[in-house]
Amino acid sequence: RNQIKMATKLYVGNLAETASEKGIRELFESFGQVNEVAVLRGFGFVHFRKSEDAEAAREALNESDFMGTRIQVQVSRTKGHGFGGRGGGRQSGGRDGYRGSVYAFVTPHLSK
């Protein structure tokens, strides 16, 4: 339970395809200062300045209607504070962060 109180980043699921960062920001800013918003295909993340604001938004908006869909708002389980570069907010390097591990395995075998 202490982790929820400390969290400032929320996962927002089941977003409409037409949902935009601007629209999400406007929805969540009524609960407090939003530092960052990232919208991907069907889901996104909202990072609040204060954990109390994130918790208030989660409680009020989880299972609410937004742009014709019932959104899910939960504490994000991702690590860190940022969302990555502008290219969609994903951490580069693949599934477990082992960047280049396939390349490191394949390269020696290609030279034979």
PDB file of N, CA and C in Angstrom:
ATOM      1  N   ARG A   1       0.821  -1.194   0.000  1.00  0.00           N
ATOM      2  CA  ARG A   1       0.000   0.000   0.000  1.00  0.00           C
ATOM      3  C   ARG A   1       0.866   1.260   0.000  1.00  0.00           C
ATOM      4  N   ASN A   2       2.025   1.223   0.626  1.00  0.00           N
ATOM      5  CA  ASN A   2       2.914   2.382   0.621  1.00  0.00           C
ATOM      6  C   ASN A   2       3.378   2.726  -0.778  1.00  0.00           C
ATOM      7  N   GLN A   3       3.547   1.726  -1.647  1.00  0.00           N
ATOM      8  CA  GLN A   3       3.969   1.991  -3.011  1.00  0.00           C
ATOM      9  C   GLN A   3       2.938   2.828  -3.752  1.00  0.00           C
ATOM     10  N   ILE A   4       1.663   2.575  -3.534  1.00  0.00           N
ATOM     11  CA  ILE A   4       0.616   3.346  -4.200  1.00  0.00           C
ATOM     12  C   ILE A   4       0.691   4.808  -3.775  1.00  0.00           C
ATOM     13  N   LYS A   5       0.913   5.077  -2.505  1.00  0.00           N
ATOM     14  CA  LYS A   5       0.990   6.445  -2.025  1.00  0.00           C
ATOM     15  C   LYS A   5       2.205   7.183  -2.582  1.00  0.00           C
ATOM     16  N   MET A   6       3.268   6.460  -2.901  1.00  0.00           N
ATOM     17  CA  MET A   6       4.485   7.078  -3.397  1.00  0.00           C
ATOM     18  C   MET A   6       4.464   7.260  -4.919  1.00  0.00           C
ATOM     19  N   ALA A   7       3.581   6.561  -5.608  1.00  0.00           N
ATOM     20  CA  ALA A   7       3.583   6.555  -7.068  1.00  0.00           C
ATOM     21  C   ALA A   7       3.101   7.885  -7.638  1.00  0.00           C
ATOM     22  N   THR A   8       3.781   8.316  -8.692  1.00  0.00           N
ATOM     23  CA  THR A   8       3.355   9.521  -9.402  1.00  0.00           C
ATOM     24  C   THR A   8       3.055   9.225 -10.859  1.00  0.00           C
ATOM     25  N   LYS A   9       3.321   8.015 -11.319  1.00  0.00           N
ATOM     26  CA  LYS A   9       3.075   7.658 -12.716  1.00  0.00           C
ATOM     27  C   LYS A   9       1.902   6.688 -12.792  1.00  0.00           C
ATOM     28  N   LEU A  10       0.950   7.012 -13.673  1.00  0.00           N
ATOM     29  CA  LEU A  10      -0.220   6.175 -13.855  1.00  0.00           C
ATOM     30  C   LEU A  10      -0.240   5.566 -15.250  1.00  0.00           C
ATOM     31  N   TYR A  11      -0.704   4.348 -15.320  1.00  0.00           N
ATOM     32  CA  TYR A  11      -0.978   3.672 -16.579  1.00  0.00           C
ATOM     33  C   TYR A  11      -2.435   3.931 -16.915  1.00  0.00           C
ATOM     34  N   VAL A  12      -2.712   4.290 -18.157  1.00  0.00           N
ATOM     35  CA  VAL A  12      -4.080   4.525 -18.602  1.00  0.00           C
ATOM     36  C   VAL A  12      -4.354   3.564 -19.755  1.00  0.00           C
ATOM     37  N   GLY A  13      -5.244   2.623 -19.537  1.00  0.00           N
ATOM     38  CA  GLY A  13      -5.520   1.595 -20.531  1.00  0.00           C
ATOM     39  C   GLY A  13      -6.880   1.759 -21.169  1.00  0.00           C
ATOM     40  N   ASN A  14      -7.056   1.044 -22.281  1.00  0.00           N
ATOM     41  CA  ASN A  14      -8.297   1.017 -23.044  1.00  0.00           C
ATOM     42  C   ASN A  14      -8.652   2.387 -23.627  1.00  0.00           C
ATOM     43  N   LEU A  15      -7.636   3.112 -24.092  1.00  0.00           N
ATOM     44  CA  LEU A  15      -7.881   4.424 -24.702  1.00  0.00           C
ATOM     45  C   LEU A  15      -8.456   4.265 -26.107  1.00  0.00           C
ATOM     46  N   ALA A  16      -9.289   5.201 -26.488  1.00  0.00           N
ATOM     47  CA  ALA A  16      -9.801   5.248 -27.856  1.00  0.00           C
ATOM     48  C   ALA A  16      -8.635   5.499 -28.810  1.00  0.00           C
ATOM     49  N   GLU A  17      -8.732   5.005 -30.027  1.00  0.00           N
ATOM     50  CA  GLU A  17      -7.665   5.194 -31.004  1.00  0.00           C
ATOM     51  C   GLU A  17      -7.380   6.665 -31.280  1.00  0.00           C
ATOM     52  N   THR A  18      -8.389   7.497 -31.113  1.00  0.00           N
ATOM     53  CA  THR A  18      -8.230   8.923 -31.398  1.00  0.00           C
ATOM     54  C   THR A  18      -7.768   9.736 -30.190  1.00  0.00           C
ATOM     55  N   ALA A  19      -7.506   9.082 -29.071  1.00  0.00           N
ATOM     56  CA  ALA A  19      -7.057   9.797 -27.868  1.00  0.00           C
ATOM     57  C   ALA A  19      -5.697  10.443 -28.140  1.00  0.00           C
ATOM     58  N   SER A  20      -5.538  11.680 -27.679  1.00  0.00           N
ATOM     59  CA  SER A  20      -4.292  12.417 -27.906  1.00  0.00           C
ATOM     60  C   SER A  20      -3.651  12.785 -26.577  1.00  0.00           C
ATOM     61  N   GLU A  21      -2.367  13.123 -26.632  1.00  0.00           N
ATOM     62  CA  GLU A  21      -1.672  13.569 -25.428  1.00  0.00           C
ATOM     63  C   GLU A  21      -2.366  14.802 -24.850  1.00  0.00           C
ATOM     64  N   LYS A  22      -2.783  15.711 -25.700  1.00  0.00           N
ATOM     65  CA  LYS A  22      -3.453  16.934 -25.240  1.00  0.00           C
ATOM     66  C   LYS A  22      -4.745  16.610 -24.491  1.00  0.00           C
ATOM     67  N   GLY A  23      -5.558  15.722 -25.056  1.00  0.00           N
ATOM     68  CA  GLY A  23      -6.821  15.350 -24.418  1.00  0.00           C
ATOM     69  C   GLY A  23      -6.615  14.652 -23.083  1.00  0.00           C
ATOM     70  N   ILE A  24      -5.637  13.754 -23.029  1.00  0.00           N
ATOM     71  CA  ILE A  24      -5.326  13.048 -21.781  1.00  0.00           C
ATOM     72  C   ILE A  24      -4.822  14.045 -20.744  1.00  0.00           C
ATOM     73  N   ARG A  25      -3.932  14.929 -21.162  1.00  0.00           N
ATOM     74  CA  ARG A  25      -3.392  15.945 -20.242  1.00  0.00           C
ATOM     75  C   ARG A  25      -4.523  16.788 -19.655  1.00  0.00           C
ATOM     76  N   GLU A  26      -5.429  17.241 -20.500  1.00  0.00           N
ATOM     77  CA  GLU A  26      -6.551  18.064 -20.032  1.00  0.00           C
ATOM     78  C   GLU A  26      -7.418  17.312 -19.026  1.00  0.00           C
ATOM     79  N   LEU A  27      -7.665  16.039 -19.286  1.00  0.00           N
ATOM     80  CA  LEU A  27      -8.469  15.231 -18.370  1.00  0.00           C
ATOM     81  C   LEU A  27      -7.801  15.110 -17.008  1.00  0.00           C
ATOM     82  N   PHE A  28      -6.507  14.816 -16.992  1.00  0.00           N
ATOM     83  CA  PHE A  28      -5.801  14.544 -15.743  1.00  0.00           C
ATOM     84  C   PHE A  28      -5.362  15.808 -15.007  1.00  0.00           C
ATOM     85  N   GLU A  29      -5.182  16.932 -15.706  1.00  0.00           N
ATOM     86  CA  GLU A  29      -4.722  18.155 -15.047  1.00  0.00           C
ATOM     87  C   GLU A  29      -5.741  18.709 -14.055  1.00  0.00           C
ATOM     88  N   SER A  30      -6.982  18.275 -14.128  1.00  0.00           N
ATOM     89  CA  SER A  30      -7.961  18.740 -13.142  1.00  0.00           C
ATOM     90  C   SER A  30      -7.660  18.181 -11.753  1.00  0.00           C
ATOM     91  N   PHE A  31      -6.723  17.215 -11.665  1.00  0.00           N
ATOM     92  CA  PHE A  31      -6.352  16.625 -10.382  1.00  0.00           C
ATOM     93  C   PHE A  31      -5.020  17.141  -9.855  1.00  0.00           C
ATOM     94  N   GLY A  32      -4.272  17.866 -10.670  1.00  0.00           N
ATOM     95  CA  GLY A  32      -2.982  18.392 -10.226  1.00  0.00           C
ATOM     96  C   GLY A  32      -2.031  18.583 -11.392  1.00  0.00           C
ATOM     97  N   GLN A  33      -0.817  18.990 -11.068  1.00  0.00           N
ATOM     98  CA  GLN A  33       0.184  19.266 -12.096  1.00  0.00           C
ATOM     99  C   GLN A  33       0.666  17.980 -12.752  1.00  0.00           C
ATOM    100  N   VAL A  34       0.513  17.926 -14.063  1.00  0.00           N
ATOM    101  CA  VAL A  34       0.966  16.788 -14.855  1.00  0.00           C
ATOM    102  C   VAL A  34       2.306  17.166 -15.474  1.00  0.00           C
ATOM    103  N   ASN A  35       3.322  16.368 -15.201  1.00  0.00           N
ATOM    104  CA  ASN A  35       4.659  16.635 -15.744  1.00  0.00           C
ATOM    105  C   ASN A  35       4.838  16.100 -17.147  1.00  0.00           C
ATOM    106  N   GLU A  36       4.232  14.949 -17.435  1.00  0.00           N
ATOM    107  CA  GLU A  36       4.496  14.282 -18.699  1.00  0.00           C
ATOM    108  C   GLU A  36       3.335  13.366 -19.066  1.00  0.00           C
ATOM    109  N   VAL A  37       3.053  13.283 -20.353  1.00  0.00           N
ATOM    110  CA  VAL A  37       2.021  12.390 -20.866  1.00  0.00           C
ATOM    111  C   VAL A  37       2.590  11.671 -22.081  1.00  0.00           C
ATOM    112  N   ALA A  38       2.367  10.376 -22.158  1.00  0.00           N
ATOM    113  CA  ALA A  38       2.757   9.600 -23.334  1.00  0.00           C
ATOM    114  C   ALA A  38       1.568   8.744 -23.743  1.00  0.00           C
ATOM    115  N   VAL A  39       1.206   8.820 -25.006  1.00  0.00           N
ATOM    116  CA  VAL A  39       0.098   8.022 -25.521  1.00  0.00           C
ATOM    117  C   VAL A  39       0.626   7.114 -26.610  1.00  0.00           C
ATOM    118  N   LEU A  40       0.376   5.830 -26.446  1.00  0.00           N
ATOM    119  CA  LEU A  40       0.767   4.843 -27.442  1.00  0.00           C
ATOM    120  C   LEU A  40      -0.512   4.312 -28.077  1.00  0.00           C
ATOM    121  N   ARG A  41      -0.493   3.171 -28.644  1.00  0.00           N
ATOM    122  CA  ARG A  41      -1.663   2.607 -29.301  1.00  0.00           C
ATOM    123  C   ARG A  41      -2.576   1.937 -28.277  1.00  0.00           C
ATOM    124  N   GLY A  42      -3.621   2.631 -27.883  1.00  0.00           N
ATOM    125  CA  GLY A  42      -4.599   2.051 -26.976  1.00  0.00           C
ATOM    126  C   GLY A  42      -4.294   2.200 -25.498  1.00  0.00           C
ATOM    127  N   PHE A  43      -3.141   2.766 -25.150  1.00  0.00           N
ATOM    128  CA  PHE A  43      -2.822   2.992 -23.747  1.00  0.00           C
ATOM    129  C   PHE A  43      -1.842   4.148 -23.634  1.00  0.00           C
ATOM    130  N   GLY A  44      -1.615   4.573 -22.404  1.00  0.00           N
ATOM    131  CA  GLY A  44      -0.682   5.675 -22.200  1.00  0.00           C
ATOM    132  C   GLY A  44      -0.240   5.759 -20.752  1.00  0.00           C
ATOM    133  N   PHE A  45       0.568   6.782 -20.478  1.00  0.00           N
ATOM    134  CA  PHE A  45       1.080   7.018 -19.137  1.00  0.00           C
ATOM    135  C   PHE A  45       0.941   8.498 -18.810  1.00  0.00           C
ATOM    136  N   VAL A  46       0.616   8.767 -17.567  1.00  0.00           N
ATOM    137  CA  VAL A  46       0.526  10.139 -17.072  1.00  0.00           C
ATOM    138  C   VAL A  46       1.398  10.227 -15.833  1.00  0.00           C
ATOM    139  N   HIS A  47       2.320  11.184 -15.828  1.00  0.00           N
ATOM    140  CA  HIS A  47       3.233  11.350 -14.701  1.00  0.00           C
ATOM    141  C   HIS A  47       2.893  12.660 -13.992  1.00  0.00           C
ATOM    142  N   PHE A  48       2.451  12.539 -12.764  1.00  0.00           N
ATOM    143  CA  PHE A  48       2.104  13.696 -11.935  1.00  0.00           C
ATOM    144  C   PHE A  48       3.308  14.188 -11.148  1.00  0.00           C
ATOM    145  N   ARG A  49       3.254  15.434 -10.742  1.00  0.00           N
ATOM    146  CA  ARG A  49       4.296  15.990  -9.876  1.00  0.00           C
ATOM    147  C   ARG A  49       4.167  15.426  -8.464  1.00  0.00           C
ATOM    148  N   LYS A  50       2.916  15.290  -7.984  1.00  0.00           N
ATOM    149  CA  LYS A  50       2.677  14.830  -6.604  1.00  0.00           C
ATOM    150  C   LYS A  50       1.922  13.510  -6.591  1.00  0.00           C
ATOM    151  N   SER A  51       2.339  12.637  -5.684  1.00  0.00           N
ATOM    152  CA  SER A  51       1.700  11.327  -5.571  1.00  0.00           C
ATOM    153  C   SER A  51       0.238  11.432  -5.132  1.00  0.00           C
ATOM    154  N   GLU A  52      -0.076  12.429  -4.311  1.00  0.00           N
ATOM    155  CA  GLU A  52      -1.475  12.589  -3.861  1.00  0.00           C
ATOM    156  C   GLU A  52      -2.393  12.900  -5.041  1.00  0.00           C
ATOM    157  N   ASP A  53      -1.896  13.692  -5.985  1.00  0.00           N
ATOM    158  CA  ASP A  53      -2.687  14.036  -7.165  1.00  0.00           C
ATOM    159  C   ASP A  53      -2.884  12.813  -8.059  1.00  0.00           C
ATOM    160  N   ALA A  54      -1.838  12.014  -8.199  1.00  0.00           N
ATOM    161  CA  ALA A  54      -1.933  10.788  -8.997  1.00  0.00           C
ATOM    162  C   ALA A  54      -2.965   9.839  -8.388  1.00  0.00           C
ATOM    163  N   GLU A  55      -2.938   9.707  -7.083  1.00  0.00           N
ATOM    164  CA  GLU A  55      -3.883   8.814  -6.402  1.00  0.00           C
ATOM    165  C   GLU A  55      -5.314   9.321  -6.555  1.00  0.00           C
ATOM    166  N   ALA A  56      -5.519  10.628  -6.440  1.00  0.00           N
ATOM    167  CA  ALA A  56      -6.861  11.202  -6.606  1.00  0.00           C
ATOM    168  C   ALA A  56      -7.378  10.966  -8.022  1.00  0.00           C
ATOM    169  N   ALA A  57      -6.514  11.134  -9.005  1.00  0.00           N
ATOM    170  CA  ALA A  57      -6.903  10.899 -10.398  1.00  0.00           C
ATOM    171  C   ALA A  57      -7.232   9.431 -10.624  1.00  0.00           C
ATOM    172  N   ARG A  58      -6.417   8.546 -10.071  1.00  0.00           N
ATOM    173  CA  ARG A  58      -6.665   7.118 -10.227  1.00  0.00           C
ATOM    174  C   ARG A  58      -8.021   6.734  -9.643  1.00  0.00           C
ATOM    175  N   GLU A  59      -8.284   7.216  -8.437  1.00  0.00           N
ATOM    176  CA  GLU A  59      -9.551   6.873  -7.778  1.00  0.00           C
ATOM    177  C   GLU A  59     -10.756   7.410  -8.548  1.00  0.00           C
ATOM    178  N   ALA A  60     -10.634   8.611  -9.079  1.00  0.00           N
ATOM    179  CA  ALA A  60     -11.770   9.238  -9.762  1.00  0.00           C
ATOM    180  C   ALA A  60     -11.973   8.733 -11.188  1.00  0.00           C
ATOM    181  N   LEU A  61     -10.887   8.426 -11.887  1.00  0.00           N
ATOM    182  CA  LEU A  61     -11.000   8.137 -13.315  1.00  0.00           C
ATOM    183  C   LEU A  61     -10.981   6.660 -13.688  1.00  0.00           C
ATOM    184  N   ASN A  62     -10.543   5.789 -12.800  1.00  0.00           N
ATOM    185  CA  ASN A  62     -10.533   4.369 -13.125  1.00  0.00           C
ATOM    186  C   ASN A  62     -11.956   3.903 -13.415  1.00  0.00           C
ATOM    187  N   GLU A  63     -12.120   3.191 -14.517  1.00  0.00           N
ATOM    188  CA  GLU A  63     -13.418   2.674 -14.972  1.00  0.00           C
ATOM    189  C   GLU A  63     -14.387   3.784 -15.380  1.00  0.00           C
ATOM    190  N   SER A  64     -13.863   4.970 -15.706  1.00  0.00           N
ATOM    191  CA  SER A  64     -14.730   6.064 -16.162  1.00  0.00           C
ATOM    192  C   SER A  64     -14.767   6.092 -17.688  1.00  0.00           C
ATOM    193  N   ASP A  65     -15.732   6.820 -18.238  1.00  0.00           N
ATOM    194  CA  ASP A  65     -15.877   6.941 -19.675  1.00  0.00           C
ATOM    195  C   ASP A  65     -15.038   8.103 -20.182  1.00  0.00           C
ATOM    196  N   PHE A  66     -14.220   7.849 -21.192  1.00  0.00           N
ATOM    197  CA  PHE A  66     -13.429   8.891 -21.849  1.00  0.00           C
ATOM    198  C   PHE A  66     -13.430   8.611 -23.343  1.00  0.00           C
ATOM    199  N   MET A  67     -13.989   9.519 -24.101  1.00  0.00           N
ATOM    200  CA  MET A  67     -14.060   9.407 -25.563  1.00  0.00           C
ATOM    201  C   MET A  67     -14.755   8.121 -26.008  1.00  0.00           C
ATOM    202  N   GLY A  68     -15.779   7.723 -25.262  1.00  0.00           N
ATOM    203  CA  GLY A  68     -16.572   6.568 -25.656  1.00  0.00           C
ATOM    204  C   GLY A  68     -16.050   5.216 -25.217  1.00  0.00           C
ATOM    205  N   THR A  69     -14.970   5.188 -24.462  1.00  0.00           N
ATOM    206  CA  THR A  69     -14.472   3.905 -23.925  1.00  0.00           C
ATOM    207  C   THR A  69     -14.328   4.005 -22.417  1.00  0.00           C
ATOM    208  N   ARG A  70     -14.417   2.867 -21.762  1.00  0.00           N
ATOM    209  CA  ARG A  70     -14.230   2.811 -20.312  1.00  0.00           C
ATOM    210  C   ARG A  70     -12.754   2.598 -20.044  1.00  0.00           C
ATOM    211  N   ILE A  71     -12.085   3.642 -19.549  1.00  0.00           N
ATOM    212  CA  ILE A  71     -10.638   3.564 -19.356  1.00  0.00           C
ATOM    213  C   ILE A  71     -10.281   2.914 -18.021  1.00  0.00           C
ATOM    214  N   GLN A  72      -9.108   2.299 -18.001  1.00  0.00           N
ATOM    215  CA  GLN A  72      -8.540   1.763 -16.770  1.00  0.00           C
ATOM    216  C   GLN A  72      -7.386   2.688 -16.368  1.00  0.00           C
ATOM    217  N   VAL A  73      -7.381   3.077 -15.116  1.00  0.00           N
ATOM    218  CA  VAL A  73      -6.306   3.929 -14.603  1.00  0.00           C
ATOM    219  C   VAL A  73      -5.721   3.228 -13.392  1.00  0.00           C
ATOM    220  N   GLN A  74      -4.444   2.852 -13.506  1.00  0.00           N
ATOM    221  CA  GLN A  74      -3.768   2.119 -12.436  1.00  0.00           C
ATOM    222  C   GLN A  74      -2.382   2.710 -12.206  1.00  0.00           C
ATOM    223  N   VAL A  75      -1.815   2.408 -11.074  1.00  0.00           N
ATOM    224  CA  VAL A  75      -0.439   2.797 -10.803  1.00  0.00           C
ATOM    225  C   VAL A  75       0.450   2.059 -11.792  1.00  0.00           C
ATOM    226  N   SER A  76       1.343   2.803 -12.439  1.00  0.00           N
ATOM    227  CA  SER A  76       2.242   2.205 -13.417  1.00  0.00           C
ATOM    228  C   SER A  76       3.282   1.351 -12.722  1.00  0.00           C
ATOM    229  N   ARG A  77       3.607   0.230 -13.333  1.00  0.00           N
ATOM    230  CA  ARG A  77       4.621  -0.656 -12.790  1.00  0.00           C
ATOM    231  C   ARG A  77       5.971  -0.446 -13.462  1.00  0.00           C
ATOM    232  N   THR A  78       6.048   0.509 -14.391  1.00  0.00           N
ATOM    233  CA  THR A  78       7.325   0.778 -15.056  1.00  0.00           C
ATOM    234  C   THR A  78       8.268   1.478 -14.108  1.00  0.00           C
ATOM    235  N   LYS A  79       9.569   1.293 -14.332  1.00  0.00           N
ATOM    236  CA  LYS A  79      10.580   1.902 -13.469  1.00  0.00           C
ATOM    237  C   LYS A  79      11.002   3.243 -14.035  1.00  0.00           C
ATOM    238  N   GLY A  80      11.489   4.100 -13.171  1.00  0.00           N
ATOM    239  CA  GLY A  80      12.023   5.385 -13.606  1.00  0.00           C
ATOM    240  C   GLY A  80      10.940   6.436 -13.735  1.00  0.00           C
ATOM    241  N   HIS A  81      11.376   7.640 -14.106  1.00  0.00           N
ATOM    242  CA  HIS A  81      10.451   8.757 -14.179  1.00  0.00           C
ATOM    243  C   HIS A  81      10.095   9.154 -15.593  1.00  0.00           C
ATOM    244  N   GLY A  82      10.975   8.931 -16.551  1.00  0.00           N
ATOM    245  CA  GLY A  82      10.712   9.376 -17.912  1.00  0.00           C
ATOM    246  C   GLY A  82      10.020   8.311 -18.726  1.00  0.00           C
ATOM    247  N   PHE A  83       9.629   8.688 -19.924  1.00  0.00           N
ATOM    248  CA  PHE A  83       8.967   7.765 -20.834  1.00  0.00           C
ATOM    249  C   PHE A  83       9.851   7.418 -22.012  1.00  0.00           C
ATOM    250  N   GLY A  84      11.090   7.861 -22.025  1.00  0.00           N
ATOM    251  CA  GLY A  84      11.958   7.595 -23.162  1.00  0.00           C
ATOM    252  C   GLY A  84      11.883   8.720 -24.166  1.00  0.00           C
ATOM    253  N   GLY A  85      12.362   8.456 -25.351  1.00  0.00           N
ATOM    254  CA  GLY A  85      12.387   9.476 -26.393  1.00  0.00           C
ATOM    255  C   GLY A  85      11.024   9.726 -26.985  1.00  0.00           C
ATOM    256  N   ARG A  86      10.964  10.590 -27.978  1.00  0.00           N
ATOM    257  CA  ARG A  86       9.701  10.947 -28.599  1.00  0.00           C
ATOM    258  C   ARG A  86       9.153   9.817 -29.456  1.00  0.00           C
ATOM    259  N   GLY A  87       9.891   8.779 -29.632  1.00  0.00           N
ATOM    260  CA  GLY A  87       9.465   7.692 -30.509  1.00  0.00           C
ATOM    261  C   GLY A  87       8.529   6.706 -29.858  1.00  0.00           C
ATOM    262  N   GLY A  88       7.645   7.119 -28.991  1.00  0.00           N
ATOM    263  CA  GLY A  88       6.634   6.225 -28.446  1.00  0.00           C
ATOM    264  C   GLY A  88       6.810   5.910 -26.986  1.00  0.00           C
ATOM    265  N   GLY A  89       7.865   6.374 -26.377  1.00  0.00           N
ATOM    266  CA  GLY A  89       8.008   6.207 -24.947  1.00  0.00           C
ATOM    267  C   GLY A  89       8.494   4.845 -24.509  1.00  0.00           C
ATOM    268  N   ARG A  90       8.956   4.034 -25.411  1.00  0.00           N
ATOM    269  CA  ARG A  90       9.440   2.723 -25.008  1.00  0.00           C
ATOM    270  C   ARG A  90      10.929   2.784 -24.762  1.00  0.00           C
ATOM    271  N   GLN A  91      11.374   1.974 -23.852  1.00  0.00           N
ATOM    272  CA  GLN A  91      12.799   1.889 -23.588  1.00  0.00           C
ATOM    273  C   GLN A  91      13.430   1.112 -24.725  1.00  0.00           C
ATOM    274  N   SER A  92      14.514   1.626 -25.290  1.00  0.00           N
ATOM    275  CA  SER A  92      15.158   0.913 -26.381  1.00  0.00           C
ATOM    276  C   SER A  92      15.833  -0.334 -25.840  1.00  0.00           C
ATOM    277  N   GLY A  93      15.917  -1.325 -26.681  1.00  0.00           N
ATOM    278  CA  GLY A  93      16.684  -2.493 -26.284  1.00  0.00           C
ATOM    279  C   GLY A  93      15.893  -3.759 -26.160  1.00  0.00           C
ATOM    280  N   GLY A  94      14.624  -3.754 -26.436  1.00  0.00           N
ATOM    281  CA  GLY A  94      13.895  -5.004 -26.448  1.00  0.00           C
ATOM    282  C   GLY A  94      13.339  -5.400 -25.104  1.00  0.00           C
ATOM    283  N   ARG A  95      12.906  -6.639 -25.034  1.00  0.00           N
ATOM    284  CA  ARG A  95      12.067  -7.096 -23.947  1.00  0.00           C
ATOM    285  C   ARG A  95      12.624  -6.908 -22.553  1.00  0.00           C
ATOM    286  N   ASP A  96      13.796  -7.321 -22.276  1.00  0.00           N
ATOM    287  CA  ASP A  96      14.304  -7.242 -20.919  1.00  0.00           C
ATOM    288  C   ASP A  96      15.422  -6.229 -20.786  1.00  0.00           C
ATOM    289  N   GLY A  97      15.519  -5.329 -21.755  1.00  0.00           N
ATOM    290  CA  GLY A  97      16.549  -4.321 -21.698  1.00  0.00           C
ATOM    291  C   GLY A  97      17.915  -4.821 -22.114  1.00  0.00           C
ATOM    292  N   TYR A  98      17.998  -6.006 -22.703  1.00  0.00           N
ATOM    293  CA  TYR A  98      19.275  -6.550 -23.143  1.00  0.00           C
ATOM    294  C   TYR A  98      19.574  -6.028 -24.538  1.00  0.00           C
ATOM    295  N   ARG A  99      19.951  -4.803 -24.589  1.00  0.00           N
ATOM    296  CA  ARG A  99      20.199  -4.129 -25.851  1.00  0.00           C
ATOM    297  C   ARG A  99      21.390  -4.764 -26.561  1.00  0.00           C
ATOM    298  N   GLY A 100      21.156  -5.192 -27.775  1.00  0.00           N
ATOM    299  CA  GLY A 100      22.238  -5.735 -28.575  1.00  0.00           C
ATOM    300  C   GLY A 100      22.610  -7.176 -28.256  1.00  0.00           C
ATOM    301  N   SER A 101      21.879  -7.853 -27.391  1.00  0.00           N
ATOM    302  CA  SER A 101      22.274  -9.205 -27.018  1.00  0.00           C
ATOM    303  C   SER A 101      22.195 -10.170 -28.192  1.00  0.00           C
ATOM    304  N   VAL A 102      21.214 -10.011 -29.063  1.00  0.00           N
ATOM    305  CA  VAL A 102      21.105 -10.868 -30.234  1.00  0.00           C
ATOM    306  C   VAL A 102      22.266 -10.573 -31.170  1.00  0.00           C
ATOM    307  N   TYR A 103      22.567  -9.309 -31.363  1.00  0.00           N
ATOM    308  CA  TYR A 103      23.689  -8.908 -32.211  1.00  0.00           C
ATOM    309  C   TYR A 103      24.997  -9.512 -31.698  1.00  0.00           C
ATOM    310  N   ALA A 104      25.206  -9.476 -30.401  1.00  0.00           N
ATOM    311  CA  ALA A 104      26.440 -10.007 -29.816  1.00  0.00           C
ATOM    312  C   ALA A 104      26.554 -11.503 -30.060  1.00  0.00           C
ATOM    313  N   PHE A 105      25.444 -12.202 -30.103  1.00  0.00           N
ATOM    314  CA  PHE A 105      25.459 -13.643 -30.344  1.00  0.00           C
ATOM    315  C   PHE A 105      25.655 -13.966 -31.821  1.00  0.00           C
ATOM    316  N   VAL A 106      24.981 -13.236 -32.696  1.00  0.00           N
ATOM    317  CA  VAL A 106      24.994 -13.539 -34.119  1.00  0.00           C
ATOM    318  C   VAL A 106      26.299 -13.124 -34.797  1.00  0.00           C
ATOM    319  N   THR A 107      26.842 -11.979 -34.445  1.00  0.00           N
ATOM    320  CA  THR A 107      28.010 -11.447 -35.138  1.00  0.00           C
ATOM    321  C   THR A 107      29.182 -12.416 -35.207  1.00  0.00           C
ATOM    322  N   PRO A 108      29.609 -13.057 -34.122  1.00  0.00           N
ATOM    323  CA  PRO A 108      30.764 -13.967 -34.214  1.00  0.00           C
ATOM    324  C   PRO A 108      30.497 -15.136 -35.167  1.00  0.00           C
ATOM    325  N   HIS A 109      29.250 -15.578 -35.257  1.00  0.00           N
ATOM    326  CA  HIS A 109      28.938 -16.728 -36.100  1.00  0.00           C
ATOM    327  C   HIS A 109      28.882 -16.360 -37.582  1.00  0.00           C
ATOM    328  N   LEU A 110      28.657 -15.104 -37.897  1.00  0.00           N
ATOM    329  CA  LEU A 110      28.614 -14.676 -39.285  1.00  0.00           C
ATOM    330  C   LEU A 110      30.002 -14.588 -39.895  1.00  0.00           C
ATOM    331  N   SER A 111      31.011 -14.367 -39.067  1.00  0.00           N
ATOM    332  CA  SER A 111      32.361 -14.194 -39.604  1.00  0.00           C
ATOM    333  C   SER A 111      33.022 -15.508 -39.966  1.00  0.00           C
ATOM    334  N   LYS A 112      32.417 -16.631 -39.650  1.00  0.00           N
ATOM    335  CA  LYS A 112      33.022 -17.948 -39.959  1.00  0.00           C
ATOM    336  C   LYS A 112      32.709 -18.384 -41.360  1.00  0.00           C
TER     337      LYS A 112
END
